[in-house]
N, C-alpha and C. Protein backbone atom coordinates (compact mmCIF):
# COMPACT_ATOMS: atom_id res chain seq x y z
N MET A 1 -65.87 197.64 -85.82
CA MET A 1 -63.87 198.28 -85.20
C MET A 1 -64.46 199.85 -85.42
N GLU A 2 -64.53 200.95 -86.42
CA GLU A 2 -64.23 201.83 -86.90
C GLU A 2 -65.42 202.54 -86.51
N GLN A 3 -66.09 202.39 -86.77
CA GLN A 3 -67.79 202.97 -86.55
C GLN A 3 -69.24 202.34 -86.80
N ASN A 4 -70.19 203.24 -85.76
CA ASN A 4 -71.64 202.12 -85.92
C ASN A 4 -71.91 201.80 -87.70
N ASN A 5 -72.86 200.67 -87.31
CA ASN A 5 -73.02 200.10 -88.97
C ASN A 5 -74.17 200.75 -89.22
N THR A 6 -74.96 201.87 -88.48
CA THR A 6 -75.84 202.42 -89.17
C THR A 6 -75.45 203.77 -89.61
N ASN A 7 -74.50 203.90 -89.33
CA ASN A 7 -73.99 205.64 -90.25
C ASN A 7 -73.10 204.84 -91.46
N LEU A 8 -72.55 203.92 -91.49
CA LEU A 8 -71.83 203.54 -93.15
C LEU A 8 -72.77 203.81 -93.60
N THR A 9 -72.08 204.31 -95.30
CA THR A 9 -72.61 203.64 -96.27
C THR A 9 -71.63 202.60 -96.85
N TYR A 10 -72.59 202.41 -97.99
CA TYR A 10 -71.74 201.32 -98.98
C TYR A 10 -70.39 201.38 -98.98
N SER A 11 -70.10 201.99 -99.61
CA SER A 11 -68.45 202.61 -99.79
C SER A 11 -67.47 202.57 -98.58
N GLN A 12 -67.84 203.07 -97.29
CA GLN A 12 -67.02 203.21 -96.58
C GLN A 12 -67.39 201.35 -95.62
N ALA A 13 -68.05 201.18 -95.92
CA ALA A 13 -68.29 199.26 -95.61
C ALA A 13 -66.95 198.89 -96.51
N ILE A 14 -67.42 198.77 -97.52
CA ILE A 14 -66.40 198.34 -98.79
C ILE A 14 -65.07 198.56 -98.31
N ALA A 15 -64.33 200.00 -97.98
CA ALA A 15 -63.56 200.70 -97.34
C ALA A 15 -62.50 199.62 -96.76
N GLU A 16 -63.79 199.30 -95.59
CA GLU A 16 -63.60 198.77 -94.15
C GLU A 16 -62.71 197.77 -94.52
N LEU A 17 -63.23 196.66 -95.37
CA LEU A 17 -63.56 195.39 -95.75
C LEU A 17 -62.39 195.19 -96.51
N GLU A 18 -61.74 195.97 -97.53
CA GLU A 18 -60.45 196.36 -98.36
C GLU A 18 -59.63 196.27 -97.25
N LYS A 19 -59.23 196.85 -95.79
CA LYS A 19 -58.76 197.37 -95.51
C LYS A 19 -58.65 196.41 -94.33
N ILE A 20 -59.37 195.36 -93.58
CA ILE A 20 -59.28 193.82 -93.45
C ILE A 20 -58.95 193.19 -93.51
N VAL A 21 -58.97 193.20 -94.95
CA VAL A 21 -58.57 191.80 -95.93
C VAL A 21 -56.78 192.06 -96.40
N ARG A 22 -56.29 193.12 -96.12
CA ARG A 22 -54.98 193.56 -96.03
C ARG A 22 -54.03 193.99 -94.78
N GLU A 23 -54.90 193.35 -93.75
CA GLU A 23 -54.37 193.34 -92.25
C GLU A 23 -54.26 191.76 -92.06
N MET A 24 -55.77 191.11 -92.92
CA MET A 24 -55.43 189.67 -92.53
C MET A 24 -54.80 188.99 -93.55
N GLN A 25 -53.83 189.18 -94.33
CA GLN A 25 -53.44 189.33 -95.88
C GLN A 25 -51.65 189.61 -95.51
N SER A 26 -51.51 190.43 -94.20
CA SER A 26 -50.16 190.58 -94.12
C SER A 26 -50.04 190.14 -92.86
N GLU A 27 -48.11 189.65 -93.11
CA GLU A 27 -47.29 188.95 -91.83
C GLU A 27 -47.88 189.20 -90.43
N ASN A 28 -47.60 189.63 -90.44
CA ASN A 28 -48.14 191.11 -88.93
C ASN A 28 -49.87 190.95 -88.45
N CYS A 29 -50.55 190.07 -89.17
CA CYS A 29 -51.65 189.40 -88.52
C CYS A 29 -51.37 188.39 -87.57
N SER A 30 -52.16 188.41 -86.47
CA SER A 30 -51.61 187.97 -85.23
C SER A 30 -53.24 187.27 -84.96
N ILE A 31 -52.99 185.87 -84.73
CA ILE A 31 -54.08 184.71 -84.28
C ILE A 31 -55.16 185.47 -83.85
N ASP A 32 -54.99 186.24 -82.49
CA ASP A 32 -55.80 186.78 -81.64
C ASP A 32 -56.33 187.90 -82.31
N ASN A 33 -56.22 188.63 -83.35
CA ASN A 33 -56.80 189.59 -83.33
C ASN A 33 -58.01 189.05 -84.80
N LEU A 34 -57.41 187.68 -85.76
CA LEU A 34 -58.80 186.83 -86.77
C LEU A 34 -59.74 186.96 -86.61
N SER A 35 -60.02 186.39 -84.88
CA SER A 35 -61.78 186.18 -84.79
C SER A 35 -62.03 187.61 -84.35
N ALA A 36 -61.67 188.64 -84.51
CA ALA A 36 -62.07 189.65 -83.87
C ALA A 36 -62.43 190.49 -85.82
N LEU A 37 -61.68 190.35 -86.64
CA LEU A 37 -61.34 190.71 -87.73
C LEU A 37 -62.25 190.15 -89.02
N THR A 38 -62.70 188.77 -88.54
CA THR A 38 -63.65 188.23 -88.87
C THR A 38 -65.03 188.22 -88.93
N SER A 39 -65.55 188.50 -87.54
CA SER A 39 -65.92 189.51 -87.25
C SER A 39 -66.74 190.69 -87.48
N ARG A 40 -65.99 191.10 -86.95
CA ARG A 40 -66.76 192.34 -88.19
C ARG A 40 -66.61 193.00 -89.60
N SER A 41 -66.44 191.15 -89.97
CA SER A 41 -65.88 191.44 -92.08
C SER A 41 -67.43 190.81 -92.05
N LEU A 42 -68.00 190.24 -91.83
CA LEU A 42 -69.66 189.34 -90.83
C LEU A 42 -70.41 191.11 -91.01
N GLU A 43 -69.89 191.84 -90.40
CA GLU A 43 -71.09 192.76 -89.83
C GLU A 43 -71.17 193.76 -90.94
N LEU A 44 -69.71 193.80 -91.75
CA LEU A 44 -69.70 194.85 -92.82
C LEU A 44 -70.17 194.48 -93.83
N LEU A 45 -70.22 193.17 -94.27
CA LEU A 45 -70.96 192.09 -95.14
C LEU A 45 -72.51 191.90 -95.33
N LYS A 46 -73.06 192.13 -94.38
CA LYS A 46 -74.81 192.56 -93.84
C LYS A 46 -74.37 193.82 -94.18
N VAL A 47 -74.35 195.02 -93.87
CA VAL A 47 -74.35 196.14 -94.34
C VAL A 47 -74.41 196.66 -95.69
N CYS A 48 -73.75 195.34 -96.26
CA CYS A 48 -73.46 195.75 -97.83
C CYS A 48 -74.48 195.38 -98.28
N LYS A 49 -74.96 193.92 -97.98
CA LYS A 49 -76.05 193.00 -98.50
C LYS A 49 -77.35 193.81 -98.26
N ALA A 50 -77.21 194.71 -97.03
CA ALA A 50 -78.77 195.01 -97.06
C ALA A 50 -78.99 196.19 -97.81
N LYS A 51 -77.74 196.84 -97.95
CA LYS A 51 -77.88 198.18 -99.22
C LYS A 51 -78.05 198.16 -100.57
N LEU A 52 -77.19 196.89 -100.89
CA LEU A 52 -77.75 196.64 -101.98
C LEU A 52 -79.77 196.05 -102.35
N GLN A 53 -79.91 194.64 -101.76
CA GLN A 53 -81.36 194.57 -100.99
C GLN A 53 -81.75 196.01 -101.48
N SER A 54 -81.62 197.20 -100.91
CA SER A 54 -82.66 198.32 -101.03
C SER A 54 -82.31 198.98 -102.22
N THR A 55 -81.14 198.68 -102.71
CA THR A 55 -81.09 200.25 -103.93
C THR A 55 -81.36 199.03 -105.14
N ASP A 56 -81.78 197.71 -105.10
CA ASP A 56 -82.19 196.95 -106.01
C ASP A 56 -83.61 196.93 -105.85
N ALA A 57 -84.39 197.27 -104.60
CA ALA A 57 -85.23 197.38 -104.81
C ALA A 57 -86.11 198.38 -105.29
N GLU A 58 -85.66 199.70 -104.47
CA GLU A 58 -85.57 200.90 -105.27
C GLU A 58 -85.57 201.35 -106.67
N VAL A 59 -84.66 200.69 -107.36
CA VAL A 59 -84.56 201.01 -108.55
C VAL A 59 -86.00 199.77 -109.27
N LYS A 60 -86.13 198.61 -108.84
CA LYS A 60 -87.86 198.01 -109.13
C LYS A 60 -88.74 198.91 -109.46
N LYS A 61 -88.62 199.54 -108.19
CA LYS A 61 -90.03 200.23 -108.01
C LYS A 61 -89.73 201.64 -108.98
N ILE A 62 -88.88 202.06 -109.05
CA ILE A 62 -88.26 203.15 -110.38
C ILE A 62 -88.71 202.37 -111.59
N LEU A 63 -88.37 201.55 -111.87
CA LEU A 63 -88.85 200.80 -113.38
C LEU A 63 -90.43 200.21 -113.11
N ALA A 64 -90.56 200.23 -112.76
CA ALA A 64 -92.33 199.65 -112.75
C ALA A 64 -93.08 201.08 -113.04
N THR A 65 -93.05 202.11 -112.10
CA THR A 65 -93.40 203.51 -112.15
C THR A 65 -92.67 203.71 -114.01
N LEU A 66 -91.78 203.51 -114.19
CA LEU A 66 -91.48 203.98 -115.80
C LEU A 66 -92.99 203.51 -116.33
N GLU A 67 -92.68 201.57 -116.24
CA GLU A 67 -93.66 200.96 -117.47
C GLU A 67 -95.22 200.90 -116.99
N GLU A 68 -95.79 201.76 -116.33
CA GLU A 68 -97.03 202.19 -116.19
C GLU A 68 -97.35 203.60 -116.63
N SER A 69 -96.21 204.27 -116.90
CA SER A 69 -96.86 205.99 -116.77
C SER A 69 -96.09 205.52 -118.93
N GLN A 70 -95.96 204.40 -119.24
CA GLN A 70 -95.54 204.23 -120.86
C GLN A 70 -96.96 203.75 -121.05
N GLN A 71 -97.40 203.04 -120.47
CA GLN A 71 -98.79 202.15 -121.04
C GLN A 71 -99.91 203.56 -121.08
């Protein structure tokens, strides 16, 4: 909807997801928009998952480096 996925930060993706949820829960949400909102939500969830996995891998790498330096 609003931004290209490659430029989104995790915080921006979460904020947009929250906005979509509010819109879906409002009385003004039309059935016609529901499909587009659901599709965009899936895209945003994929962005969040990828960023979380990337961060997890980086943290594990840092922890492994710390463990090696302590031996």
